[in-house]
């Protein structure tokens, strides 16, 4: 029994022009057709809602007609635990669920807060698979109008995986998180994905970074650190790591399973997909995998990434939002508006679990709208 899992599906820009009957998958169709169950990550609500939630960063949506496109393309299940599925609030996800139901597409990872959104079970050819879907805690994991995405918690993940393990032959955990446009896991993310295996997951798959990551076999269980994009056009990204994706095919039997990997180029010069060789990727997967296995190299690489982001994140934490102030501060012409003592307070509020939960609740009350 074969299951195909792909990364972010977000039909916007040129991808918003794919209609019924359009073949954008080309030679990737043969990979889809070989599988008994095809899964993708629905990275945006399918809705006609016009009012986005208040958040930083982009808000994404596409038309509900793409539920039919997914069904016609032989996709049977979508994961929805991600940072964009609630971009248009309760109305957006409610219309998304209606569109999925109308096209007989199952979903996991988001929905009504009173429902079981973390796990879905599928039995194919006598083999029962539990799919657990979870994402890092950003905008979508706040409850809005009775709906939310399934946010990550070490404690909840342990009990969810334990429950799934008791009721299925295999557990496939699909996580959405990591650092965008960074093709390695942070040391923290590596520990988290390995923790899922320690809890009982048989396969762990991650997406969100918009680029292909490495993979490893940990305690005889495969971990895929990022699938990259599946269908996600971005006019600001051409000939970049954004334009490549990974698809994982899991082949299960009653007693064992194995996997294969396929790579593809998506929505680069052409508004379509085409299968490529690993050697066609913009960087060496073998080198990425080597760094993942070396904790010191992984730490050093992440420190370099932090240095690249330092000015940006420093601007986030300043009490004013002004490009002129940030430009002068980055040139050393103005001091930070936070004193050293204030930064110590902020660090403690964020680092200490007890302080952080109070801070989160206060900010949630002041920022979350329905």
Protein backbone atom coordinates (compact mmCIF):
# COMPACT_ATOMS: atom_id res chain seq x y z
CA UNK A 1 0.00 0.00 0.00
CA UNK A 2 1.52 3.29 -1.17
CA UNK A 3 0.97 6.76 0.27
CA UNK A 4 2.28 9.96 -1.35
CA UNK A 5 2.93 13.02 0.82
CA UNK A 6 3.74 16.45 -0.62
CA UNK A 7 4.39 19.92 0.78
CA UNK A 8 2.60 23.26 0.55
CA UNK A 9 -0.32 23.60 -1.86
CA UNK A 10 -1.31 27.26 -2.27
CA UNK A 11 -2.92 28.02 -5.66
CA UNK A 12 -2.26 31.76 -5.98
CA UNK A 13 -0.70 34.02 -8.67
CA UNK A 14 -0.10 31.88 -11.79
CA UNK A 15 -1.32 28.81 -9.90
CA UNK A 16 -4.70 30.55 -9.50
CA UNK A 17 -5.21 30.04 -13.23
CA UNK A 18 -5.31 26.26 -13.04
CA UNK A 19 -8.79 25.12 -13.85
CA UNK A 20 -10.60 21.84 -14.31
CA UNK A 21 -8.91 19.79 -16.96
CA UNK A 22 -5.58 21.64 -16.79
CA UNK A 23 -2.60 19.33 -16.46
CA UNK A 24 0.06 21.10 -14.41
CA UNK A 25 1.66 17.96 -13.04
CA UNK A 26 3.16 16.55 -16.25
CA UNK A 27 5.47 13.63 -15.55
CA UNK A 28 4.62 13.86 -11.84
CA UNK A 29 1.21 12.35 -12.68
CA UNK A 30 2.73 8.89 -12.89
CA UNK A 31 3.93 9.19 -9.27
CA UNK A 32 0.46 10.29 -8.13
CA UNK A 33 -1.24 7.49 -10.05
CA UNK A 34 0.90 4.77 -8.48
CA UNK A 35 -0.30 5.59 -4.96
CA UNK A 36 -3.35 4.46 -3.02
CA UNK A 37 -3.59 7.68 -1.01
CA UNK A 38 -2.27 11.13 -1.97
CA UNK A 39 -1.79 13.87 0.62
CA UNK A 40 -0.85 17.53 0.38
CA UNK A 41 -0.63 20.42 2.82
CA UNK A 42 -3.42 22.94 2.20
CA UNK A 43 -1.47 26.12 2.96
CA UNK A 44 -4.40 28.52 2.62
CA UNK A 45 -8.16 28.55 3.15
CA UNK A 46 -10.37 27.96 0.12
CA UNK A 47 -12.88 30.73 0.65
CA UNK A 48 -14.68 33.75 -0.69
CA UNK A 49 -14.30 35.52 2.67
CA UNK A 50 -12.95 39.04 2.26
CA UNK A 51 -11.87 40.02 5.77
CA UNK A 52 -8.51 38.67 6.92
CA UNK A 53 -7.53 38.33 10.56
CA UNK A 54 -5.16 40.81 12.17
CA UNK A 55 -1.66 39.38 11.93
CA UNK A 56 1.84 40.19 10.82
CA UNK A 57 3.01 38.76 7.53
CA UNK A 58 0.92 37.88 4.47
CA UNK A 59 -2.62 36.55 4.55
CA UNK A 60 -3.32 33.87 1.94
CA UNK A 61 -6.47 32.46 0.39
CA UNK A 62 -7.70 30.86 -2.80
CA UNK A 63 -11.01 29.84 -4.32
CA UNK A 64 -13.04 26.89 -3.06
CA UNK A 65 -13.00 25.54 -6.64
CA UNK A 66 -9.53 24.16 -5.97
CA UNK A 67 -11.04 21.50 -3.74
CA UNK A 68 -12.46 19.99 -6.92
CA UNK A 69 -9.11 20.45 -8.62
CA UNK A 70 -7.42 18.47 -5.85
CA UNK A 71 -10.01 15.71 -6.07
CA UNK A 72 -9.71 15.53 -9.86
CA UNK A 73 -5.94 15.32 -9.36
CA UNK A 74 -6.45 12.27 -7.11
CA UNK A 75 -5.68 13.92 -3.76
CA UNK A 76 -7.79 12.38 -1.01
CA UNK A 77 -6.50 13.99 2.19
CA UNK A 78 -5.15 17.42 3.12
CA UNK A 79 -3.27 18.50 6.22
CA UNK A 80 -4.36 21.87 7.60
CA UNK A 81 -2.20 22.40 10.70
CA UNK A 82 -0.21 25.33 9.36
CA UNK A 83 0.27 29.06 9.89
CA UNK A 84 -2.14 30.24 7.14
CA UNK A 85 -5.25 28.06 7.32
CA UNK A 86 -6.99 30.54 9.68
CA UNK A 87 -5.96 33.67 7.72
CA UNK A 88 -9.63 34.48 7.02
CA UNK A 89 -10.95 33.48 10.40
CA UNK A 90 -13.82 31.18 11.20
CA UNK A 91 -15.65 31.95 7.95
CA UNK A 92 -12.58 31.10 5.89
CA UNK A 93 -12.00 27.70 7.41
CA UNK A 94 -15.72 26.90 7.57
CA UNK A 95 -16.02 27.49 3.81
CA UNK A 96 -12.84 25.46 3.28
CA UNK A 97 -14.25 22.49 5.17
CA UNK A 98 -17.51 22.73 3.23
CA UNK A 99 -15.60 22.71 -0.07
CA UNK A 100 -13.53 19.70 1.03
CA UNK A 101 -16.61 17.80 2.21
CA UNK A 102 -18.44 18.56 -1.03
CA UNK A 103 -15.57 16.94 -2.92
CA UNK A 104 -15.08 13.99 -0.56
CA UNK A 105 -11.63 15.11 0.55
CA UNK A 106 -10.66 14.26 4.12
CA UNK A 107 -8.74 16.69 6.30
CA UNK A 108 -6.77 16.72 9.54
CA UNK A 109 -4.96 19.30 11.64
CA UNK A 110 -7.61 22.03 11.87
CA UNK A 111 -11.34 22.39 12.32
CA UNK A 112 -13.87 22.83 15.10
CA UNK A 113 -12.20 23.11 18.49
CA UNK A 114 -14.63 20.53 19.89
CA UNK A 115 -13.71 17.93 17.25
CA UNK A 116 -10.76 15.56 17.05
CA UNK A 117 -8.51 17.59 14.77
CA UNK A 118 -5.12 16.05 15.59
CA UNK A 119 -5.62 12.52 14.19
CA UNK A 120 -7.29 10.88 11.25
CA UNK A 121 -7.25 7.13 10.53
CA UNK A 122 -7.22 5.57 7.07
CA UNK A 123 -7.45 1.84 6.37
CA UNK A 124 -6.23 0.71 2.97
CA UNK A 125 -5.66 -2.89 1.88
CA UNK A 126 -6.12 -4.06 5.46
CA UNK A 127 -3.49 -1.69 6.90
CA UNK A 128 -4.59 1.05 9.31
CA UNK A 129 -2.56 4.25 9.32
CA UNK A 130 -2.94 7.07 11.84
CA UNK A 131 -2.02 10.51 10.51
CA UNK A 132 -1.17 13.03 13.21
CA UNK A 133 -0.94 16.66 12.10
CA UNK A 134 0.50 19.48 14.20
CA UNK A 135 2.03 22.91 13.59
CA UNK A 136 4.07 25.46 15.46
CA UNK A 137 2.03 27.99 17.42
CA UNK A 138 1.42 31.00 15.25
CA UNK A 139 -1.76 32.78 14.21
CA UNK A 140 -3.75 29.70 13.21
CA UNK A 141 -3.55 28.00 16.58
CA UNK A 142 -5.55 30.75 18.30
CA UNK A 143 -9.22 29.76 18.51
CA UNK A 144 -11.45 31.99 16.40
CA UNK A 145 -15.19 31.49 16.30
CA UNK A 146 -14.86 27.92 17.50
CA UNK A 147 -12.17 26.90 14.96
CA UNK A 148 -8.41 26.51 15.20
CA UNK A 149 -5.37 24.61 13.94
CA UNK A 150 -3.68 21.96 16.06
CA UNK A 151 -0.75 23.68 17.78
CA UNK A 152 2.36 21.92 19.04
CA UNK A 153 2.71 20.92 22.67
CA UNK A 154 5.26 18.39 23.91
CA UNK A 155 2.77 16.97 26.40
CA UNK A 156 -0.22 16.82 24.04
CA UNK A 157 1.95 15.31 21.29
CA UNK A 158 3.01 12.48 23.59
CA UNK A 159 -0.59 11.54 24.41
CA UNK A 160 -1.79 12.00 20.83
CA UNK A 161 0.90 9.73 19.42
CA UNK A 162 0.29 7.19 22.19
CA UNK A 163 -3.43 7.14 21.35
CA UNK A 164 -2.72 6.82 17.62
CA UNK A 165 -0.26 4.00 18.23
CA UNK A 166 -2.84 2.03 20.19
CA UNK A 167 -5.38 2.26 17.38
CA UNK A 168 -3.34 1.84 14.18
CA UNK A 169 -0.67 -0.32 12.58
CA UNK A 170 1.51 2.71 11.82
CA UNK A 171 1.67 6.37 12.88
CA UNK A 172 2.69 9.05 10.38
CA UNK A 173 3.28 12.42 12.02
CA UNK A 174 3.21 15.50 9.78
CA UNK A 175 4.59 18.66 11.37
CA UNK A 176 4.54 22.21 9.99
CA UNK A 177 7.35 24.40 11.26
CA UNK A 178 10.94 25.54 11.00
CA UNK A 179 12.65 28.55 9.49
CA UNK A 180 11.59 29.80 6.07
CA UNK A 181 14.15 29.62 3.27
CA UNK A 182 16.59 27.74 5.53
CA UNK A 183 17.29 24.22 4.36
CA UNK A 184 18.43 22.82 7.71
CA UNK A 185 16.56 22.18 10.94
CA UNK A 186 17.57 24.24 13.92
CA UNK A 187 19.01 22.10 16.74
CA UNK A 188 15.67 22.58 18.53
CA UNK A 189 13.63 21.35 15.55
CA UNK A 190 15.90 18.33 15.13
CA UNK A 191 15.22 17.44 18.78
CA UNK A 192 11.46 17.96 18.37
CA UNK A 193 11.16 15.74 15.29
CA UNK A 194 13.27 13.04 16.93
CA UNK A 195 11.07 13.35 20.02
CA UNK A 196 8.06 12.40 17.90
CA UNK A 197 9.84 9.15 17.01
CA UNK A 198 10.68 8.55 20.67
CA UNK A 199 6.95 8.98 21.42
CA UNK A 200 6.09 6.24 18.92
CA UNK A 201 5.75 7.80 15.46
CA UNK A 202 6.89 5.51 12.64
CA UNK A 203 7.43 8.31 10.11
CA UNK A 204 7.96 12.03 10.73
CA UNK A 205 7.54 14.57 7.93
CA UNK A 206 8.01 18.33 8.16
CA UNK A 207 7.14 21.23 5.87
CA UNK A 208 6.87 25.03 6.08
CA UNK A 209 10.39 26.18 5.13
CA UNK A 210 9.59 26.62 1.41
CA UNK A 211 12.73 24.70 0.46
CA UNK A 212 13.84 21.09 0.38
CA UNK A 213 15.53 19.84 3.54
CA UNK A 214 17.48 16.73 4.38
CA UNK A 215 16.41 13.45 5.89
CA UNK A 216 17.72 10.78 8.22
CA UNK A 217 16.77 7.44 9.73
CA UNK A 218 16.64 7.78 13.51
CA UNK A 219 16.04 4.67 15.63
CA UNK A 220 15.03 2.88 12.41
CA UNK A 221 12.37 5.53 11.65
CA UNK A 222 12.68 8.05 8.79
CA UNK A 223 12.53 11.79 9.45
CA UNK A 224 12.13 14.20 6.53
CA UNK A 225 13.10 17.70 7.61
CA UNK A 226 11.29 19.64 4.89
CA UNK A 227 9.35 18.77 1.74
CA UNK A 228 9.47 22.32 0.38
CA UNK A 229 6.64 23.66 -1.78
CA UNK A 230 4.31 21.54 -3.88
CA UNK A 231 2.23 24.12 -5.76
CA UNK A 232 3.08 27.63 -4.57
CA UNK A 233 3.81 30.32 -7.12
CA UNK A 234 5.74 33.35 -5.89
CA UNK A 235 6.61 36.11 -8.39
CA UNK A 236 9.41 37.26 -6.08
CA UNK A 237 11.07 33.86 -6.23
CA UNK A 238 12.40 32.65 -9.55
CA UNK A 239 15.39 30.33 -9.94
CA UNK A 240 15.63 30.02 -6.17
CA UNK A 241 15.33 27.29 -3.57
CA UNK A 242 11.62 28.19 -3.32
CA UNK A 243 10.98 26.50 -6.66
CA UNK A 244 11.95 22.97 -5.66
CA UNK A 245 10.03 20.35 -3.74
CA UNK A 246 10.29 16.81 -2.43
CA UNK A 247 7.61 14.14 -2.51
CA UNK A 248 7.81 11.12 -0.22
CA UNK A 249 6.17 7.82 -1.12
CA UNK A 250 5.64 5.45 1.81
CA UNK A 251 5.16 1.79 0.91
CA UNK A 252 3.52 -0.11 3.78
CA UNK A 253 3.00 -3.80 4.34
CA UNK A 254 1.65 -5.45 7.47
CA UNK A 255 5.13 -6.13 8.80
CA UNK A 256 7.31 -3.35 7.45
CA UNK A 257 7.57 -0.28 5.25
CA UNK A 258 10.02 1.55 3.06
CA UNK A 259 10.12 4.88 1.28
CA UNK A 260 11.19 6.52 -1.95
CA UNK A 261 11.89 10.19 -2.65
CA UNK A 262 11.16 12.19 -5.78
CA UNK A 263 12.22 15.77 -6.45
CA UNK A 264 10.56 18.29 -8.72
CA UNK A 265 10.72 21.89 -9.89
CA UNK A 266 7.51 23.87 -9.39
CA UNK A 267 6.23 27.17 -10.78
CA UNK A 268 9.56 28.58 -11.80
CA UNK A 269 9.83 29.71 -15.41
CA UNK A 270 6.81 27.57 -16.30
CA UNK A 271 3.53 27.44 -14.38
CA UNK A 272 3.76 23.69 -13.84
CA UNK A 273 5.73 20.88 -12.20
CA UNK A 274 8.43 18.72 -13.66
CA UNK A 275 10.32 15.87 -12.05
CA UNK A 276 14.05 16.52 -11.61
CA UNK A 277 17.04 14.55 -10.40
CA UNK A 278 18.56 15.12 -6.98
CA UNK A 279 21.63 16.47 -8.77
CA UNK A 280 19.44 19.20 -10.33
CA UNK A 281 18.67 20.74 -6.93
CA UNK A 282 20.38 24.05 -6.09
CA UNK A 283 22.42 22.43 -3.29
CA UNK A 284 23.69 19.02 -2.24
CA UNK A 285 21.25 16.94 -0.20
CA UNK A 286 24.13 14.71 0.84
CA UNK A 287 25.86 17.74 2.35
CA UNK A 288 22.65 18.81 4.10
CA UNK A 289 22.26 15.30 5.53
CA UNK A 290 25.89 15.31 6.68
CA UNK A 291 25.36 18.55 8.62
CA UNK A 292 22.19 17.19 10.22
CA UNK A 293 24.17 14.27 11.62
CA UNK A 294 26.85 16.52 13.13
CA UNK A 295 25.51 18.49 16.11
CA UNK A 296 28.39 20.97 16.09
CA UNK A 297 28.05 21.68 12.37
CA UNK A 298 24.29 22.03 12.76
CA UNK A 299 24.76 24.49 15.64
CA UNK A 300 27.35 26.51 13.69
CA UNK A 301 25.11 26.66 10.63
CA UNK A 302 22.18 27.87 12.70
CA UNK A 303 24.31 30.52 14.38
CA UNK A 304 25.19 31.85 10.92
CA UNK A 305 21.51 31.92 10.02
CA UNK A 306 20.74 33.84 13.22
CA UNK A 307 23.37 36.42 12.31
CA UNK A 308 21.69 36.91 8.94
CA UNK A 309 18.38 37.57 10.71
CA UNK A 310 19.72 39.63 13.61
CA UNK A 311 18.87 43.11 12.30
CA UNK A 312 15.40 42.02 11.22
CA UNK A 313 14.55 40.50 14.59
CA UNK A 314 16.04 43.42 16.48
CA UNK A 315 13.60 45.64 14.59
CA UNK A 316 10.72 43.35 15.63
CA UNK A 317 11.36 43.76 19.33
CA UNK A 318 11.82 47.53 19.37
CA UNK A 319 8.81 49.39 20.86
CA UNK A 320 8.37 51.51 17.74
CA UNK A 321 7.86 50.45 14.14
CA UNK A 322 9.67 52.93 11.93
CA UNK A 323 11.88 52.15 8.98
CA UNK A 324 13.78 55.39 9.58
CA UNK A 325 14.51 54.55 13.20
CA UNK A 326 15.50 50.98 12.28
CA UNK A 327 17.80 52.22 9.51
CA UNK A 328 19.56 54.64 11.85
CA UNK A 329 19.80 52.05 14.64
CA UNK A 330 21.24 49.42 12.29
CA UNK A 331 23.92 51.93 11.31
CA UNK A 332 24.78 52.54 14.95
CA UNK A 333 23.49 56.12 14.84
CA UNK A 334 20.71 55.60 17.41
CA UNK A 335 20.60 53.44 20.54
CA UNK A 336 17.97 50.79 21.23
CA UNK A 337 14.87 52.12 22.95
CA UNK A 338 15.05 49.14 25.31
CA UNK A 339 17.48 49.39 28.21
CA UNK A 340 19.62 46.38 29.06
CA UNK A 341 17.44 45.83 32.14
CA UNK A 342 14.29 45.89 30.00
CA UNK A 343 15.78 43.29 27.65
CA UNK A 344 16.56 41.09 30.65
CA UNK A 345 12.89 41.30 31.69
CA UNK A 346 11.74 40.45 28.16
CA UNK A 347 14.09 37.49 27.95
CA UNK A 348 12.80 36.12 31.22
CA UNK A 349 9.15 36.61 30.26
CA UNK A 350 9.73 34.63 27.07
CA UNK A 351 12.09 31.96 28.46
CA UNK A 352 10.22 31.03 31.64
CA UNK A 353 7.26 28.76 30.89
CA UNK A 354 5.14 30.16 33.73
CA UNK A 355 5.79 33.78 32.80
CA UNK A 356 5.30 33.03 29.11
CA UNK A 357 1.89 31.45 29.55
CA UNK A 358 0.62 34.57 31.36
CA UNK A 359 2.13 36.83 28.72
CA UNK A 360 0.58 34.75 25.94
CA UNK A 361 -2.88 34.86 27.51
CA UNK A 362 -2.73 38.62 28.03
CA UNK A 363 -1.58 39.23 24.43
CA UNK A 364 -4.17 36.81 23.11
CA UNK A 365 -6.97 38.71 24.86
CA UNK A 366 -5.76 41.96 23.32
CA UNK A 367 -5.09 40.75 19.80
CA UNK A 368 -7.29 37.83 18.78
CA UNK A 369 -10.42 38.69 16.81
CA UNK A 370 -13.08 36.33 15.51
